[in-house]
Amino acid sequence: MTQSNSKRGMYTLNEDVVMEAKMTALARRLEELKSRGAHEVKGYLAQDEDEQEEMCLIHTLIEEHVDGLMNEELEKIYEELEENEVEEKVEEANKFATINHFMKWKAKEELLPLIKEEKTKK
């Protein structure tokens, strides 16, 4: 019995050593993969400089096109706002003129002849 117990303890110890060796091997493999991945990425970037320049050019062209479209839309919006503001100012001026006209009429207390009525009577 003591022999089997001692063997079990040794076997368990051996399992721990084997497990530790496996973990160390996995850690090394992970480091290798990380460094290889970094080298592959650097190689990929260096290899595709022409493609990167092309992508930058495409990106720049798209940006310029979108900026142009946005500027056109903004100009349209500003024009519409200006037109609306002018129309509103004209309406306000007409209202003020109408109110001012009625106030003058009341102040003078005289009737103003209507042009349409005079033409229809003649």
N, C-alpha and C. Protein backbone atom coordinates (compact mmCIF):
# COMPACT_ATOMS: atom_id res chain seq x y z
N MET A 1 0.81 -1.19 0.00
CA MET A 1 0.00 0.00 0.00
C MET A 1 0.86 1.26 0.00
N THR A 2 1.87 1.21 0.72
CA THR A 2 2.72 2.38 0.77
C THR A 2 3.38 2.63 -0.56
N GLN A 3 3.63 1.50 -1.24
CA GLN A 3 4.24 1.64 -2.55
C GLN A 3 3.28 2.31 -3.53
N SER A 4 2.03 1.89 -3.53
CA SER A 4 1.06 2.48 -4.45
C SER A 4 0.82 3.94 -4.11
N ASN A 5 0.77 4.25 -2.81
CA ASN A 5 0.60 5.64 -2.41
C ASN A 5 1.78 6.48 -2.85
N SER A 6 2.95 5.92 -2.68
CA SER A 6 4.12 6.69 -3.08
C SER A 6 4.16 6.83 -4.59
N LYS A 7 3.72 5.81 -5.31
CA LYS A 7 3.67 5.92 -6.76
C LYS A 7 2.61 6.94 -7.20
N ARG A 8 1.50 6.92 -6.49
CA ARG A 8 0.46 7.90 -6.82
C ARG A 8 0.97 9.31 -6.63
N GLY A 9 1.65 9.56 -5.57
CA GLY A 9 2.21 10.88 -5.32
C GLY A 9 3.20 11.26 -6.39
N MET A 10 4.00 10.32 -6.81
CA MET A 10 4.97 10.58 -7.86
C MET A 10 4.26 10.80 -9.19
N TYR A 11 3.23 10.00 -9.41
CA TYR A 11 2.49 10.12 -10.65
C TYR A 11 1.81 11.48 -10.71
N THR A 12 1.22 11.91 -9.60
CA THR A 12 0.60 13.21 -9.53
C THR A 12 1.64 14.30 -9.75
N LEU A 13 2.80 14.13 -9.18
CA LEU A 13 3.87 15.08 -9.38
C LEU A 13 4.28 15.13 -10.84
N ASN A 14 4.36 13.96 -11.46
CA ASN A 14 4.69 13.90 -12.88
C ASN A 14 3.62 14.59 -13.72
N GLU A 15 2.36 14.40 -13.37
CA GLU A 15 1.28 15.06 -14.10
C GLU A 15 1.41 16.58 -13.99
N ASP A 16 1.75 17.07 -12.81
CA ASP A 16 1.94 18.51 -12.63
C ASP A 16 3.09 19.02 -13.49
N VAL A 17 4.17 18.26 -13.54
CA VAL A 17 5.32 18.66 -14.35
C VAL A 17 4.95 18.66 -15.82
N VAL A 18 4.22 17.63 -16.24
CA VAL A 18 3.79 17.55 -17.64
C VAL A 18 2.85 18.71 -17.97
N MET A 19 1.93 19.00 -17.08
CA MET A 19 0.98 20.10 -17.30
C MET A 19 1.72 21.43 -17.37
N GLU A 20 2.70 21.61 -16.48
CA GLU A 20 3.49 22.84 -16.49
C GLU A 20 4.27 22.96 -17.79
N ALA A 21 4.81 21.85 -18.27
CA ALA A 21 5.55 21.85 -19.53
C ALA A 21 4.62 22.20 -20.69
N LYS A 22 3.41 21.66 -20.66
CA LYS A 22 2.44 21.97 -21.71
C LYS A 22 2.07 23.45 -21.69
N MET A 23 1.88 24.00 -20.49
CA MET A 23 1.54 25.42 -20.37
C MET A 23 2.68 26.30 -20.88
N THR A 24 3.91 25.90 -20.56
CA THR A 24 5.07 26.65 -21.04
C THR A 24 5.14 26.59 -22.56
N ALA A 25 4.90 25.40 -23.11
CA ALA A 25 4.93 25.24 -24.57
C ALA A 25 3.84 26.09 -25.22
N LEU A 26 2.67 26.11 -24.61
CA LEU A 26 1.58 26.94 -25.15
C LEU A 26 1.92 28.43 -25.08
N ALA A 27 2.56 28.83 -23.98
CA ALA A 27 2.95 30.24 -23.84
C ALA A 27 3.96 30.61 -24.91
N ARG A 28 4.94 29.72 -25.16
CA ARG A 28 5.94 29.98 -26.21
C ARG A 28 5.26 30.07 -27.57
N ARG A 29 4.36 29.15 -27.82
CA ARG A 29 3.66 29.12 -29.11
C ARG A 29 2.85 30.41 -29.30
N LEU A 30 2.22 30.86 -28.24
CA LEU A 30 1.46 32.10 -28.30
C LEU A 30 2.37 33.28 -28.63
N GLU A 31 3.52 33.35 -27.98
CA GLU A 31 4.47 34.41 -28.27
C GLU A 31 4.95 34.34 -29.71
N GLU A 32 5.21 33.13 -30.21
CA GLU A 32 5.63 32.96 -31.61
C GLU A 32 4.54 33.47 -32.55
N LEU A 33 3.31 33.11 -32.26
CA LEU A 33 2.21 33.55 -33.12
C LEU A 33 2.04 35.07 -33.08
N LYS A 34 2.20 35.64 -31.89
CA LYS A 34 2.09 37.10 -31.79
C LYS A 34 3.17 37.78 -32.61
N SER A 35 4.42 37.30 -32.47
CA SER A 35 5.51 37.94 -33.21
C SER A 35 5.35 37.70 -34.71
N ARG A 36 4.92 36.51 -35.11
CA ARG A 36 4.70 36.22 -36.52
C ARG A 36 3.57 37.10 -37.06
N GLY A 37 2.53 37.25 -36.26
CA GLY A 37 1.42 38.10 -36.68
C GLY A 37 1.88 39.53 -36.87
N ALA A 38 2.71 40.02 -35.96
CA ALA A 38 3.22 41.39 -36.10
C ALA A 38 4.07 41.51 -37.35
N HIS A 39 4.91 40.50 -37.62
CA HIS A 39 5.73 40.54 -38.83
C HIS A 39 4.87 40.46 -40.08
N GLU A 40 3.83 39.64 -40.03
CA GLU A 40 2.95 39.52 -41.19
C GLU A 40 2.22 40.84 -41.45
N VAL A 41 1.78 41.49 -40.38
CA VAL A 41 1.09 42.76 -40.55
C VAL A 41 2.05 43.79 -41.12
N LYS A 42 3.28 43.85 -40.59
CA LYS A 42 4.26 44.80 -41.12
C LYS A 42 4.56 44.48 -42.57
N GLY A 43 4.70 43.19 -42.88
CA GLY A 43 4.95 42.79 -44.27
C GLY A 43 3.78 43.15 -45.16
N TYR A 44 2.57 42.97 -44.66
CA TYR A 44 1.38 43.29 -45.43
C TYR A 44 1.32 44.78 -45.71
N LEU A 45 1.61 45.57 -44.68
CA LEU A 45 1.57 47.02 -44.86
C LEU A 45 2.64 47.49 -45.83
N ALA A 46 3.84 46.93 -45.72
CA ALA A 46 4.90 47.33 -46.64
C ALA A 46 4.61 46.85 -48.05
N GLN A 47 3.99 45.70 -48.17
CA GLN A 47 3.70 45.11 -49.47
C GLN A 47 2.62 45.90 -50.21
N ASP A 48 1.71 46.48 -49.49
CA ASP A 48 0.55 47.12 -50.11
C ASP A 48 0.61 48.64 -50.05
N GLU A 49 1.79 49.23 -50.14
CA GLU A 49 1.89 50.69 -50.10
C GLU A 49 1.16 51.32 -51.28
N ASP A 50 1.26 50.69 -52.45
CA ASP A 50 0.54 51.22 -53.61
C ASP A 50 -0.96 51.18 -53.39
N GLU A 51 -1.42 50.07 -52.82
CA GLU A 51 -2.85 49.96 -52.53
C GLU A 51 -3.27 51.00 -51.49
N GLN A 52 -2.41 51.23 -50.50
CA GLN A 52 -2.73 52.23 -49.48
C GLN A 52 -2.82 53.62 -50.10
N GLU A 53 -1.88 53.94 -50.99
CA GLU A 53 -1.92 55.24 -51.65
C GLU A 53 -3.20 55.38 -52.47
N GLU A 54 -3.57 54.29 -53.13
CA GLU A 54 -4.80 54.31 -53.93
C GLU A 54 -6.01 54.51 -53.04
N MET A 55 -6.03 53.82 -51.89
CA MET A 55 -7.15 53.96 -50.97
C MET A 55 -7.20 55.38 -50.41
N CYS A 56 -6.04 55.96 -50.11
CA CYS A 56 -6.01 57.35 -49.63
C CYS A 56 -6.56 58.29 -50.69
N LEU A 57 -6.19 58.06 -51.93
CA LEU A 57 -6.68 58.89 -53.03
C LEU A 57 -8.19 58.76 -53.17
N ILE A 58 -8.67 57.52 -53.12
CA ILE A 58 -10.12 57.28 -53.21
C ILE A 58 -10.83 57.96 -52.05
N HIS A 59 -10.28 57.80 -50.84
CA HIS A 59 -10.88 58.41 -49.66
C HIS A 59 -10.94 59.93 -49.82
N THR A 60 -9.85 60.52 -50.31
CA THR A 60 -9.80 61.97 -50.51
C THR A 60 -10.85 62.41 -51.54
N LEU A 61 -10.96 61.67 -52.64
CA LEU A 61 -11.94 62.02 -53.68
C LEU A 61 -13.36 61.93 -53.14
N ILE A 62 -13.63 60.89 -52.37
CA ILE A 62 -14.97 60.74 -51.79
C ILE A 62 -15.26 61.89 -50.84
N GLU A 63 -14.27 62.23 -49.99
CA GLU A 63 -14.45 63.34 -49.06
C GLU A 63 -14.76 64.64 -49.80
N GLU A 64 -14.00 64.91 -50.86
CA GLU A 64 -14.22 66.14 -51.63
C GLU A 64 -15.60 66.14 -52.27
N HIS A 65 -16.02 65.00 -52.79
CA HIS A 65 -17.34 64.91 -53.43
C HIS A 65 -18.44 65.16 -52.40
N VAL A 66 -18.32 64.51 -51.24
CA VAL A 66 -19.34 64.67 -50.20
C VAL A 66 -19.35 66.11 -49.70
N ASP A 67 -18.17 66.71 -49.53
CA ASP A 67 -18.11 68.11 -49.11
C ASP A 67 -18.80 69.01 -50.12
N GLY A 68 -18.57 68.74 -51.41
CA GLY A 68 -19.22 69.53 -52.46
C GLY A 68 -20.74 69.41 -52.40
N LEU A 69 -21.23 68.18 -52.22
CA LEU A 69 -22.68 67.97 -52.12
C LEU A 69 -23.25 68.68 -50.90
N MET A 70 -22.53 68.60 -49.78
CA MET A 70 -23.01 69.27 -48.57
C MET A 70 -23.05 70.78 -48.76
N ASN A 71 -22.03 71.34 -49.41
CA ASN A 71 -22.02 72.78 -49.66
C ASN A 71 -23.17 73.20 -50.56
N GLU A 72 -23.47 72.40 -51.60
CA GLU A 72 -24.60 72.71 -52.47
C GLU A 72 -25.91 72.71 -51.69
N GLU A 73 -26.09 71.69 -50.86
CA GLU A 73 -27.32 71.61 -50.06
C GLU A 73 -27.42 72.79 -49.10
N LEU A 74 -26.30 73.14 -48.47
CA LEU A 74 -26.32 74.28 -47.55
C LEU A 74 -26.66 75.58 -48.28
N GLU A 75 -26.11 75.76 -49.47
CA GLU A 75 -26.42 76.96 -50.25
C GLU A 75 -27.91 77.03 -50.58
N LYS A 76 -28.49 75.88 -50.97
CA LYS A 76 -29.93 75.84 -51.26
C LYS A 76 -30.74 76.22 -50.02
N ILE A 77 -30.34 75.67 -48.89
CA ILE A 77 -31.06 75.94 -47.65
C ILE A 77 -30.97 77.42 -47.30
N TYR A 78 -29.76 78.01 -47.43
CA TYR A 78 -29.60 79.43 -47.14
C TYR A 78 -30.44 80.29 -48.08
N GLU A 79 -30.48 79.92 -49.36
CA GLU A 79 -31.29 80.68 -50.32
C GLU A 79 -32.76 80.62 -49.94
N GLU A 80 -33.24 79.42 -49.57
CA GLU A 80 -34.64 79.28 -49.16
C GLU A 80 -34.92 80.12 -47.91
N LEU A 81 -33.98 80.09 -46.96
CA LEU A 81 -34.17 80.90 -45.75
C LEU A 81 -34.23 82.38 -46.07
N GLU A 82 -33.33 82.83 -46.95
CA GLU A 82 -33.33 84.24 -47.33
C GLU A 82 -34.63 84.62 -48.02
N GLU A 83 -35.12 83.74 -48.92
CA GLU A 83 -36.38 84.02 -49.61
C GLU A 83 -37.53 84.09 -48.60
N ASN A 84 -37.55 83.15 -47.67
CA ASN A 84 -38.60 83.15 -46.65
C ASN A 84 -38.52 84.40 -45.79
N GLU A 85 -37.29 84.80 -45.43
CA GLU A 85 -37.13 86.01 -44.62
C GLU A 85 -37.62 87.24 -45.37
N VAL A 86 -37.30 87.33 -46.67
CA VAL A 86 -37.74 88.47 -47.47
C VAL A 86 -39.26 88.48 -47.55
N GLU A 87 -39.86 87.31 -47.80
CA GLU A 87 -41.32 87.24 -47.87
C GLU A 87 -41.95 87.64 -46.55
N GLU A 88 -41.37 87.17 -45.44
CA GLU A 88 -41.90 87.52 -44.13
C GLU A 88 -41.79 89.02 -43.89
N LYS A 89 -40.67 89.62 -44.30
CA LYS A 89 -40.49 91.06 -44.10
C LYS A 89 -41.48 91.86 -44.95
N VAL A 90 -41.74 91.38 -46.17
CA VAL A 90 -42.72 92.05 -47.03
C VAL A 90 -44.11 91.95 -46.40
N GLU A 91 -44.45 90.77 -45.89
CA GLU A 91 -45.75 90.61 -45.24
C GLU A 91 -45.87 91.51 -44.02
N GLU A 92 -44.80 91.59 -43.22
CA GLU A 92 -44.83 92.47 -42.05
C GLU A 92 -44.99 93.92 -42.47
N ALA A 93 -44.28 94.31 -43.52
CA ALA A 93 -44.39 95.69 -44.01
C ALA A 93 -45.80 95.98 -44.49
N ASN A 94 -46.40 95.02 -45.21
CA ASN A 94 -47.78 95.20 -45.68
C ASN A 94 -48.75 95.31 -44.51
N LYS A 95 -48.57 94.48 -43.50
CA LYS A 95 -49.43 94.56 -42.32
C LYS A 95 -49.28 95.91 -41.64
N PHE A 96 -48.03 96.34 -41.50
CA PHE A 96 -47.78 97.63 -40.86
C PHE A 96 -48.39 98.77 -41.67
N ALA A 97 -48.23 98.69 -42.99
CA ALA A 97 -48.80 99.73 -43.85
C ALA A 97 -50.32 99.74 -43.74
N THR A 98 -50.92 98.56 -43.68
CA THR A 98 -52.37 98.48 -43.56
C THR A 98 -52.83 99.06 -42.23
N ILE A 99 -52.14 98.68 -41.17
CA ILE A 99 -52.49 99.21 -39.85
C ILE A 99 -52.29 100.71 -39.82
N ASN A 100 -51.18 101.17 -40.38
CA ASN A 100 -50.88 102.60 -40.42
C ASN A 100 -51.94 103.35 -41.22
N HIS A 101 -52.37 102.76 -42.33
CA HIS A 101 -53.40 103.37 -43.17
C HIS A 101 -54.71 103.51 -42.39
N PHE A 102 -55.10 102.45 -41.68
CA PHE A 102 -56.33 102.51 -40.90
C PHE A 102 -56.22 103.54 -39.79
N MET A 103 -55.05 103.65 -39.19
CA MET A 103 -54.87 104.63 -38.12
C MET A 103 -54.99 106.05 -38.67
N LYS A 104 -54.42 106.30 -39.86
CA LYS A 104 -54.53 107.63 -40.46
C LYS A 104 -55.99 107.92 -40.80
N TRP A 105 -56.68 106.92 -41.31
CA TRP A 105 -58.07 107.10 -41.69
C TRP A 105 -58.91 107.46 -40.47
N LYS A 106 -58.67 106.78 -39.36
CA LYS A 106 -59.42 107.07 -38.15
C LYS A 106 -59.08 108.46 -37.61
N ALA A 107 -57.82 108.83 -37.75
CA ALA A 107 -57.40 110.14 -37.24
C ALA A 107 -58.05 111.26 -38.04
N LYS A 108 -58.17 111.09 -39.36
CA LYS A 108 -58.76 112.13 -40.19
C LYS A 108 -60.27 112.10 -40.12
N GLU A 109 -60.83 110.96 -39.81
CA GLU A 109 -62.26 110.74 -39.74
C GLU A 109 -62.96 111.14 -41.02
N GLU A 110 -62.36 110.74 -42.11
CA GLU A 110 -63.03 110.97 -43.38
C GLU A 110 -63.08 109.66 -44.16
N LEU A 111 -64.05 109.54 -44.98
CA LEU A 111 -64.20 108.34 -45.77
C LEU A 111 -63.33 108.43 -47.01
N LEU A 112 -62.68 107.36 -47.27
CA LEU A 112 -61.87 107.30 -48.48
C LEU A 112 -62.70 106.64 -49.57
N PRO A 113 -62.77 107.26 -50.73
CA PRO A 113 -63.56 106.66 -51.81
C PRO A 113 -62.86 105.39 -52.32
N LEU A 114 -63.70 104.44 -52.66
CA LEU A 114 -63.18 103.21 -53.22
C LEU A 114 -63.14 103.33 -54.73
N ILE A 115 -62.05 103.05 -55.30
CA ILE A 115 -61.86 103.21 -56.74
C ILE A 115 -62.78 102.27 -57.51
N LYS A 116 -62.94 101.08 -57.06
CA LYS A 116 -63.76 100.10 -57.77
C LYS A 116 -65.22 100.54 -57.81
N GLU A 117 -65.71 101.10 -56.72
CA GLU A 117 -67.11 101.52 -56.69
C GLU A 117 -67.35 102.68 -57.66
N GLU A 118 -66.42 103.61 -57.75
CA GLU A 118 -66.59 104.74 -58.65
C GLU A 118 -66.59 104.28 -60.10
N LYS A 119 -65.73 103.32 -60.43
CA LYS A 119 -65.66 102.82 -61.80
C LYS A 119 -66.93 102.06 -62.16
N THR A 120 -67.46 101.31 -61.24
CA THR A 120 -68.67 100.54 -61.53
C THR A 120 -69.89 101.45 -61.67
N LYS A 121 -69.92 102.57 -60.97
CA LYS A 121 -71.04 103.50 -61.07
C LYS A 121 -71.04 104.22 -62.40
N LYS A 122 -69.87 104.51 -62.94
CA LYS A 122 -69.79 105.25 -64.21
C LYS A 122 -70.11 104.33 -65.32
